[in-house]
Every structure is written in C-alpha cells, then in structure tokens.
Amino acid sequence: MNDFLQQTNYFGFVLTILIYYFADLLKNKSKIALFNPILVTTIVVVAILLIFNIDYETYTIGAKYISYFLTPTTVCLAVPLYRQIKVLRKNIIGVLLGIVAGVIANATVIVLFAWLFKIENRLGTSLLSKSITAPIAVALTEELGGVSSITIFAVILSGIIGAVIAPVVFKFVHIKNEIAQGVACGTSAHGSGTTTALELGEVQGAMSGLSIIATGVITTIIVPIINQIFFY
C-alpha cells in the first residue's frame, strides 16, 4: 500500500484536508471545545496511519504541501489586525504588558517544572520556547543548545492544548474582554490558539495574530537570559 500511495503524491494532503473539513463540521454542530478540529484531525490521521500501517514518510509526501500555505495564511492575519488598528492603538500598552507577562509566565512554569521533576538542563532549554511559533522556537532552541525535536513536540502540544481549553478557561475564570482573550490565545498557543481566537471574534483574532509576532520577538530576548541563569 505504501508504494501505491507514494505514487499518488497527494495522499497526505487530501487525507488531512478531508478529515479537517469533517472535524470542523463536528465542532460547529456540537459546540464542544474538546472537538477542536486540529486535535481531532491529528488523532484521526495518526490512527489511520497506524491501522493501515502507512509510513509517515508516505504521508508526508503529500502532507508537506499544506505547509506551503502557512506563510500566506500568516500574512492574512494582518487583515483583521488592520481592521482593529484603532482598538490596538487605544490598548497598546495593555496588550504589550499582557504579552510580556505571558512570556515570563511561560518561562517561570518551565523553570518550576524542571526544578520539581529534576529534569536535565538540556531538556529544560528545549521546553523554554514551547509557546512561540515553530520556526522561531526551533532556531532559538538550536542556538541555546537544546533538542529541536523536543521543542517541536512541545510547540505542537501546547498549541493544541491551548486551542482546546481556551474557551473553557475564559468561561471558568470569567474573562470576557475580547482583547484579553486574543492576547491569551496568541501568547500561550501561537497559531493553533489563533484559530480559536478567530472563532471567538475578529478582535480576538487580531490581538492573537499580533501576539504571535510579539511573543516570538520578546521570547528571543528573555529566554536566553533565563536559560543562562537556570539551565546553563
């Protein structure tokens, strides 16, 4: 089967798009946060590959084309931000302070986690960049001497978890401010969180898109200092 699928070229692409489409329908009809399309798609794709004994390399041949859309998709996030530029100008200080607080909180959690479970320094270094977009996270981890594969796993996991639980957390702790919701999603769960933010509203999506960029920049400044102090 692997040989046949490798010749089709687009198996991974078509499989992922179809599953995501139906996962999105499931989420919209059920209104259940746990049925996040990204989480459901990930689980179903992995299950199909395991059940039918399909190599990951075979799946990647077609699935890699999805990554080609990441750059234009990221650029498109500027559209809602442009529409909400007046809101951003009025709240720029609060937004930036929220992002900085999020970056520091993320690093603090990792340091406490490392201390509590006595994990080795290299693993701690690899986890410090878990809440920023993957390309920046990998580059930063490699520069600090961490393991990029661990960082990628942590980035994906934090993104999925953040996207799934964000609406639940907002309701539980009564966070109703649209700007705060957007900053929280983008700062803690990068791109995956932004998909959830866009579902919540345009203001949330705009603030989340901005937070992805700002979080990446601030993290590259703060994380090396924290790594030098705690994991060097």
C-alpha atoms as a PDB file:
ATOM      1  CA  MET A   1       0.000   0.000   0.000  1.00  0.00           C
ATOM      2  CA  ASN A   2       2.854   2.372   0.824  1.00  0.00           C
ATOM      3  CA  ASP A   3       4.302   2.017  -2.678  1.00  0.00           C
ATOM      4  CA  PHE A   4       0.931   2.790  -4.265  1.00  0.00           C
ATOM      5  CA  LEU A   5       0.279   5.806  -2.035  1.00  0.00           C
ATOM      6  CA  GLN A   6       3.762   7.197  -2.670  1.00  0.00           C
ATOM      7  CA  GLN A   7       2.933   7.313  -6.374  1.00  0.00           C
ATOM      8  CA  THR A   8      -0.244   9.320  -5.794  1.00  0.00           C
ATOM      9  CA  ASN A   9       1.797  12.240  -4.332  1.00  0.00           C
ATOM     10  CA  TYR A  10      -1.236  13.942  -2.779  1.00  0.00           C
ATOM     11  CA  PHE A  11      -2.500  11.251  -0.398  1.00  0.00           C
ATOM     12  CA  GLY A  12      -1.400  13.057   2.775  1.00  0.00           C
ATOM     13  CA  PHE A  13      -2.748  16.381   1.545  1.00  0.00           C
ATOM     14  CA  VAL A  14      -6.197  15.058   0.587  1.00  0.00           C
ATOM     15  CA  LEU A  15      -6.490  12.926   3.731  1.00  0.00           C
ATOM     16  CA  THR A  16      -5.674  15.818   6.052  1.00  0.00           C
ATOM     17  CA  ILE A  17      -7.978  18.317   4.305  1.00  0.00           C
ATOM     18  CA  LEU A  18     -10.924  15.897   4.275  1.00  0.00           C
ATOM     19  CA  ILE A  19     -10.544  14.957   7.926  1.00  0.00           C
ATOM     20  CA  TYR A  20     -10.167  18.586   8.949  1.00  0.00           C
ATOM     21  CA  TYR A  21     -13.291  19.505   6.981  1.00  0.00           C
ATOM     22  CA  PHE A  22     -15.438  16.942   8.784  1.00  0.00           C
ATOM     23  CA  ALA A  23     -13.767  17.737  12.115  1.00  0.00           C
ATOM     24  CA  ASP A  24     -14.697  21.378  11.622  1.00  0.00           C
ATOM     25  CA  LEU A  25     -18.310  20.388  10.892  1.00  0.00           C
ATOM     26  CA  LEU A  26     -18.329  18.286  14.058  1.00  0.00           C
ATOM     27  CA  LYS A  27     -17.032  21.191  16.136  1.00  0.00           C
ATOM     28  CA  ASN A  28     -19.571  23.650  14.699  1.00  0.00           C
ATOM     29  CA  LYS A  29     -22.530  21.336  15.234  1.00  0.00           C
ATOM     30  CA  SER A  30     -21.572  20.011  18.664  1.00  0.00           C
ATOM     31  CA  LYS A  31     -20.188  23.280  20.080  1.00  0.00           C
ATOM     32  CA  ILE A  32     -17.924  21.129  22.271  1.00  0.00           C
ATOM     33  CA  ALA A  33     -14.471  22.663  22.844  1.00  0.00           C
ATOM     34  CA  LEU A  34     -12.834  19.234  23.080  1.00  0.00           C
ATOM     35  CA  PHE A  35     -13.722  18.613  19.435  1.00  0.00           C
ATOM     36  CA  ASN A  36     -11.142  21.138  18.259  1.00  0.00           C
ATOM     37  CA  PRO A  37     -10.546  20.487  14.512  1.00  0.00           C
ATOM     38  CA  ILE A  38      -6.763  20.461  14.909  1.00  0.00           C
ATOM     39  CA  LEU A  39      -6.883  17.965  17.768  1.00  0.00           C
ATOM     40  CA  VAL A  40      -9.440  15.722  16.061  1.00  0.00           C
ATOM     41  CA  THR A  41      -7.545  15.805  12.764  1.00  0.00           C
ATOM     42  CA  THR A  42      -4.267  14.912  14.470  1.00  0.00           C
ATOM     43  CA  ILE A  43      -5.778  11.954  16.323  1.00  0.00           C
ATOM     44  CA  VAL A  44      -7.657  10.594  13.302  1.00  0.00           C
ATOM     45  CA  VAL A  45      -4.684  10.926  10.934  1.00  0.00           C
ATOM     46  CA  VAL A  46      -2.379   9.141  13.390  1.00  0.00           C
ATOM     47  CA  ALA A  47      -4.985   6.410  13.898  1.00  0.00           C
ATOM     48  CA  ILE A  48      -5.360   5.855  10.142  1.00  0.00           C
ATOM     49  CA  LEU A  49      -1.600   5.647   9.643  1.00  0.00           C
ATOM     50  CA  LEU A  50      -1.295   3.090  12.444  1.00  0.00           C
ATOM     51  CA  ILE A  51      -4.326   0.992  11.468  1.00  0.00           C
ATOM     52  CA  PHE A  52      -3.338   0.714   7.801  1.00  0.00           C
ATOM     53  CA  ASN A  53       0.396   0.541   8.546  1.00  0.00           C
ATOM     54  CA  ILE A  54       1.169   3.578   6.385  1.00  0.00           C
ATOM     55  CA  ASP A  55       4.662   5.034   6.770  1.00  0.00           C
ATOM     56  CA  TYR A  56       4.939   8.605   7.983  1.00  0.00           C
ATOM     57  CA  GLU A  57       7.245   9.313   5.036  1.00  0.00           C
ATOM     58  CA  THR A  58       4.466   8.220   2.662  1.00  0.00           C
ATOM     59  CA  TYR A  59       2.005  10.546   4.377  1.00  0.00           C
ATOM     60  CA  THR A  60       4.487  13.438   4.329  1.00  0.00           C
ATOM     61  CA  ILE A  61       4.945  13.281   0.547  1.00  0.00           C
ATOM     62  CA  GLY A  62       1.539  14.885   0.128  1.00  0.00           C
ATOM     63  CA  ALA A  63       1.057  16.497   3.536  1.00  0.00           C
ATOM     64  CA  LYS A  64       4.093  18.730   3.041  1.00  0.00           C
ATOM     65  CA  TYR A  65       2.084  20.824   0.583  1.00  0.00           C
ATOM     66  CA  ILE A  66      -0.072  22.024   3.456  1.00  0.00           C
ATOM     67  CA  SER A  67       2.963  23.779   4.928  1.00  0.00           C
ATOM     68  CA  TYR A  68       3.225  25.865   1.744  1.00  0.00           C
ATOM     69  CA  PHE A  69       0.078  27.679   2.845  1.00  0.00           C
ATOM     70  CA  LEU A  70       1.486  28.628   6.246  1.00  0.00           C
ATOM     71  CA  THR A  71       3.260  31.777   5.062  1.00  0.00           C
ATOM     72  CA  PRO A  72       0.326  33.310   3.136  1.00  0.00           C
ATOM     73  CA  THR A  73      -2.008  32.288   5.962  1.00  0.00           C
ATOM     74  CA  THR A  74       0.186  34.085   8.479  1.00  0.00           C
ATOM     75  CA  VAL A  75       0.230  37.174   6.269  1.00  0.00           C
ATOM     76  CA  CYS A  76      -3.573  37.068   6.123  1.00  0.00           C
ATOM     77  CA  LEU A  77      -3.640  37.568   9.890  1.00  0.00           C
ATOM     78  CA  ALA A  78      -2.683  41.170   9.172  1.00  0.00           C
ATOM     79  CA  VAL A  79      -6.158  41.770   7.715  1.00  0.00           C
ATOM     80  CA  PRO A  80      -8.137  41.547  10.980  1.00  0.00           C
ATOM     81  CA  LEU A  81      -5.337  43.418  12.736  1.00  0.00           C
ATOM     82  CA  TYR A  82      -5.623  46.260  10.222  1.00  0.00           C
ATOM     83  CA  ARG A  83      -9.388  46.370  10.752  1.00  0.00           C
ATOM     84  CA  GLN A  84      -8.867  46.625  14.510  1.00  0.00           C
ATOM     85  CA  ILE A  85      -5.974  49.093  14.389  1.00  0.00           C
ATOM     86  CA  LYS A  86      -7.962  51.701  16.348  1.00  0.00           C
ATOM     87  CA  VAL A  87      -8.603  49.214  19.125  1.00  0.00           C
ATOM     88  CA  LEU A  88      -4.902  48.346  19.185  1.00  0.00           C
ATOM     89  CA  ARG A  89      -3.823  51.981  19.409  1.00  0.00           C
ATOM     90  CA  LYS A  90      -6.098  52.592  22.401  1.00  0.00           C
ATOM     91  CA  ASN A  91      -4.850  49.498  24.224  1.00  0.00           C
ATOM     92  CA  ILE A  92      -1.265  49.108  23.006  1.00  0.00           C
ATOM     93  CA  ILE A  93       0.329  49.405  26.458  1.00  0.00           C
ATOM     94  CA  GLY A  94      -2.015  46.846  27.993  1.00  0.00           C
ATOM     95  CA  VAL A  95      -1.509  44.479  25.069  1.00  0.00           C
ATOM     96  CA  LEU A  96       2.288  44.646  25.287  1.00  0.00           C
ATOM     97  CA  LEU A  97       2.264  44.224  29.061  1.00  0.00           C
ATOM     98  CA  GLY A  98      -0.002  41.209  28.670  1.00  0.00           C
ATOM     99  CA  ILE A  99       2.337  39.625  26.139  1.00  0.00           C
ATOM    100  CA  VAL A 100       5.411  40.237  28.298  1.00  0.00           C
ATOM    101  CA  ALA A 101       3.587  38.784  31.313  1.00  0.00           C
ATOM    102  CA  GLY A 102       2.661  35.727  29.233  1.00  0.00           C
ATOM    103  CA  VAL A 103       6.255  35.138  28.128  1.00  0.00           C
ATOM    104  CA  ILE A 104       7.551  35.448  31.680  1.00  0.00           C
ATOM    105  CA  ALA A 105       4.791  33.174  33.000  1.00  0.00           C
ATOM    106  CA  ASN A 106       5.639  30.521  30.417  1.00  0.00           C
ATOM    107  CA  ALA A 107       9.332  30.597  31.308  1.00  0.00           C
ATOM    108  CA  THR A 108       8.527  30.517  35.028  1.00  0.00           C
ATOM    109  CA  VAL A 109       6.356  27.424  34.620  1.00  0.00           C
ATOM    110  CA  ILE A 110       9.147  25.616  32.758  1.00  0.00           C
ATOM    111  CA  VAL A 111      11.730  26.532  35.401  1.00  0.00           C
ATOM    112  CA  LEU A 112       9.428  25.320  38.195  1.00  0.00           C
ATOM    113  CA  PHE A 113       8.643  22.167  36.228  1.00  0.00           C
ATOM    114  CA  ALA A 114      12.355  21.478  35.767  1.00  0.00           C
ATOM    115  CA  TRP A 115      13.051  22.042  39.461  1.00  0.00           C
ATOM    116  CA  LEU A 116      10.112  19.933  40.621  1.00  0.00           C
ATOM    117  CA  PHE A 117      10.850  16.925  38.419  1.00  0.00           C
ATOM    118  CA  LYS A 118      14.642  17.305  38.421  1.00  0.00           C
ATOM    119  CA  ILE A 119      14.906  17.256  34.625  1.00  0.00           C
ATOM    120  CA  GLU A 120      18.247  17.786  32.963  1.00  0.00           C
ATOM    121  CA  ASN A 121      19.287  21.221  31.746  1.00  0.00           C
ATOM    122  CA  ARG A 122      19.176  20.386  28.039  1.00  0.00           C
ATOM    123  CA  LEU A 123      15.556  19.268  28.284  1.00  0.00           C
ATOM    124  CA  GLY A 124      14.660  22.445  30.179  1.00  0.00           C
ATOM    125  CA  THR A 125      16.299  24.514  27.457  1.00  0.00           C
ATOM    126  CA  SER A 126      14.303  22.651  24.811  1.00  0.00           C
ATOM    127  CA  LEU A 127      10.998  23.441  26.558  1.00  0.00           C
ATOM    128  CA  LEU A 128      11.544  27.161  27.105  1.00  0.00           C
ATOM    129  CA  SER A 129      10.410  28.036  23.569  1.00  0.00           C
ATOM    130  CA  LYS A 130       7.237  25.915  23.574  1.00  0.00           C
ATOM    131  CA  SER A 131       4.780  28.824  23.331  1.00  0.00           C
ATOM    132  CA  ILE A 132       6.091  30.511  20.172  1.00  0.00           C
ATOM    133  CA  THR A 133       5.677  29.611  16.527  1.00  0.00           C
ATOM    134  CA  ALA A 134       7.711  26.577  15.427  1.00  0.00           C
ATOM    135  CA  PRO A 135      10.317  28.172  13.087  1.00  0.00           C
ATOM    136  CA  ILE A 136      11.406  30.695  15.732  1.00  0.00           C
ATOM    137  CA  ALA A 137      11.226  28.086  18.503  1.00  0.00           C
ATOM    138  CA  VAL A 138      13.467  25.627  16.655  1.00  0.00           C
ATOM    139  CA  ALA A 139      16.038  28.277  15.727  1.00  0.00           C
ATOM    140  CA  LEU A 140      16.164  29.567  19.309  1.00  0.00           C
ATOM    141  CA  THR A 141      16.460  26.076  20.799  1.00  0.00           C
ATOM    142  CA  GLU A 142      19.316  25.125  18.484  1.00  0.00           C
ATOM    143  CA  GLU A 143      21.138  28.343  19.311  1.00  0.00           C
ATOM    144  CA  LEU A 144      20.819  27.627  23.043  1.00  0.00           C
ATOM    145  CA  GLY A 145      21.962  24.025  22.673  1.00  0.00           C
ATOM    146  CA  GLY A 146      18.613  22.295  23.174  1.00  0.00           C
ATOM    147  CA  VAL A 147      16.971  19.447  21.248  1.00  0.00           C
ATOM    148  CA  SER A 148      14.852  20.785  18.396  1.00  0.00           C
ATOM    149  CA  SER A 149      12.693  17.638  18.087  1.00  0.00           C
ATOM    150  CA  ILE A 150      11.587  18.040  21.713  1.00  0.00           C
ATOM    151  CA  THR A 151      10.836  21.702  21.080  1.00  0.00           C
ATOM    152  CA  ILE A 152       8.681  20.880  18.041  1.00  0.00           C
ATOM    153  CA  PHE A 153       6.703  18.332  20.051  1.00  0.00           C
ATOM    154  CA  ALA A 154       6.225  20.826  22.890  1.00  0.00           C
ATOM    155  CA  VAL A 155       5.133  23.559  20.470  1.00  0.00           C
ATOM    156  CA  ILE A 156       2.543  21.313  18.821  1.00  0.00           C
ATOM    157  CA  LEU A 157       1.265  20.001  22.151  1.00  0.00           C
ATOM    158  CA  SER A 158       0.986  23.431  23.768  1.00  0.00           C
ATOM    159  CA  GLY A 159      -0.773  24.779  20.689  1.00  0.00           C
ATOM    160  CA  ILE A 160      -3.371  22.014  20.611  1.00  0.00           C
ATOM    161  CA  ILE A 161      -3.998  22.122  24.364  1.00  0.00           C
ATOM    162  CA  GLY A 162      -4.257  25.908  24.336  1.00  0.00           C
ATOM    163  CA  ALA A 163      -6.669  25.908  21.413  1.00  0.00           C
ATOM    164  CA  VAL A 164      -8.898  23.303  23.073  1.00  0.00           C
ATOM    165  CA  ILE A 165      -9.067  24.670  26.616  1.00  0.00           C
ATOM    166  CA  ALA A 166      -9.013  28.425  25.907  1.00  0.00           C
ATOM    167  CA  PRO A 167     -12.817  28.880  25.616  1.00  0.00           C
ATOM    168  CA  VAL A 168     -13.341  26.741  28.715  1.00  0.00           C
ATOM    169  CA  VAL A 169     -10.794  28.722  30.727  1.00  0.00           C
ATOM    170  CA  PHE A 170     -12.308  32.037  29.633  1.00  0.00           C
ATOM    171  CA  LYS A 171     -15.731  30.938  30.851  1.00  0.00           C
ATOM    172  CA  PHE A 172     -14.430  29.413  34.078  1.00  0.00           C
ATOM    173  CA  VAL A 173     -12.447  32.466  35.193  1.00  0.00           C
ATOM    174  CA  HIS A 174     -14.894  34.939  33.608  1.00  0.00           C
ATOM    175  CA  ILE A 175     -12.518  36.525  31.093  1.00  0.00           C
ATOM    176  CA  LYS A 176     -14.923  38.394  28.845  1.00  0.00           C
ATOM    177  CA  ASN A 177     -12.653  41.117  27.487  1.00  0.00           C
ATOM    178  CA  GLU A 178     -12.066  40.453  23.783  1.00  0.00           C
ATOM    179  CA  ILE A 179      -8.551  41.901  23.796  1.00  0.00           C
ATOM    180  CA  ALA A 180      -7.511  39.825  26.803  1.00  0.00           C
ATOM    181  CA  GLN A 181      -8.863  36.667  25.172  1.00  0.00           C
ATOM    182  CA  GLY A 182      -6.915  37.317  21.975  1.00  0.00           C
ATOM    183  CA  VAL A 183      -3.652  38.101  23.751  1.00  0.00           C
ATOM    184  CA  ALA A 184      -4.001  34.963  25.892  1.00  0.00           C
ATOM    185  CA  CYS A 185      -4.570  32.718  22.859  1.00  0.00           C
ATOM    186  CA  GLY A 186      -1.705  34.116  20.795  1.00  0.00           C
ATOM    187  CA  THR A 187       0.784  34.311  23.667  1.00  0.00           C
ATOM    188  CA  SER A 188       0.211  30.809  25.001  1.00  0.00           C
ATOM    189  CA  ALA A 189      -0.805  28.780  21.949  1.00  0.00           C
ATOM    190  CA  HIS A 190       0.613  30.630  18.882  1.00  0.00           C
ATOM    191  CA  GLY A 191      -1.027  29.650  15.566  1.00  0.00           C
ATOM    192  CA  SER A 192      -3.332  26.978  16.941  1.00  0.00           C
ATOM    193  CA  GLY A 193      -4.570  29.383  19.582  1.00  0.00           C
ATOM    194  CA  THR A 194      -5.190  31.989  16.926  1.00  0.00           C
ATOM    195  CA  THR A 195      -7.591  29.660  15.108  1.00  0.00           C
ATOM    196  CA  THR A 196      -9.627  29.518  18.310  1.00  0.00           C
ATOM    197  CA  ALA A 197      -9.329  33.285  18.747  1.00  0.00           C
ATOM    198  CA  LEU A 198     -10.688  33.869  15.240  1.00  0.00           C
ATOM    199  CA  GLU A 199     -13.662  31.672  16.069  1.00  0.00           C
ATOM    200  CA  LEU A 200     -14.341  33.824  19.132  1.00  0.00           C
ATOM    201  CA  GLY A 201     -14.336  37.066  17.133  1.00  0.00           C
ATOM    202  CA  GLU A 202     -12.375  39.418  14.892  1.00  0.00           C
ATOM    203  CA  VAL A 203     -10.926  41.448  17.768  1.00  0.00           C
ATOM    204  CA  GLN A 204      -9.677  38.275  19.444  1.00  0.00           C
ATOM    205  CA  GLY A 205      -8.181  37.065  16.165  1.00  0.00           C
ATOM    206  CA  ALA A 206      -6.426  40.363  15.519  1.00  0.00           C
ATOM    207  CA  MET A 207      -4.918  40.537  19.003  1.00  0.00           C
ATOM    208  CA  SER A 208      -3.871  36.903  18.831  1.00  0.00           C
ATOM    209  CA  GLY A 209      -2.138  37.401  15.478  1.00  0.00           C
ATOM    210  CA  LEU A 210      -0.233  40.364  16.883  1.00  0.00           C
ATOM    211  CA  SER A 211       0.652  38.360  19.987  1.00  0.00           C
ATOM    212  CA  ILE A 212       2.256  35.597  17.910  1.00  0.00           C
ATOM    213  CA  ILE A 213       4.755  38.050  16.444  1.00  0.00           C
ATOM    214  CA  ALA A 214       5.401  39.992  19.643  1.00  0.00           C
ATOM    215  CA  THR A 215       5.732  36.817  21.719  1.00  0.00           C
ATOM    216  CA  GLY A 216       8.333  35.464  19.314  1.00  0.00           C
ATOM    217  CA  VAL A 217      10.399  38.643  19.490  1.00  0.00           C
ATOM    218  CA  ILE A 218      10.173  39.034  23.272  1.00  0.00           C
ATOM    219  CA  THR A 219      10.897  35.346  23.847  1.00  0.00           C
ATOM    220  CA  THR A 220      14.123  35.531  21.849  1.00  0.00           C
ATOM    221  CA  ILE A 221      15.225  38.310  24.204  1.00  0.00           C
ATOM    222  CA  ILE A 222      14.091  36.907  27.552  1.00  0.00           C
ATOM    223  CA  VAL A 223      14.619  33.148  27.141  1.00  0.00           C
ATOM    224  CA  PRO A 224      18.421  33.262  26.590  1.00  0.00           C
ATOM    225  CA  ILE A 225      18.758  35.192  29.854  1.00  0.00           C
ATOM    226  CA  ILE A 226      16.594  32.700  31.757  1.00  0.00           C
ATOM    227  CA  ASN A 227      18.419  29.776  30.159  1.00  0.00           C
ATOM    228  CA  GLN A 228      21.767  31.254  31.190  1.00  0.00           C
ATOM    229  CA  ILE A 229      20.587  31.567  34.805  1.00  0.00           C
ATOM    230  CA  PHE A 230      18.787  28.244  35.287  1.00  0.00           C
ATOM    231  CA  PHE A 231      19.889  25.764  32.611  1.00  0.00           C
ATOM    232  CA  TYR A 232      23.444  26.657  31.681  1.00  0.00           C
END
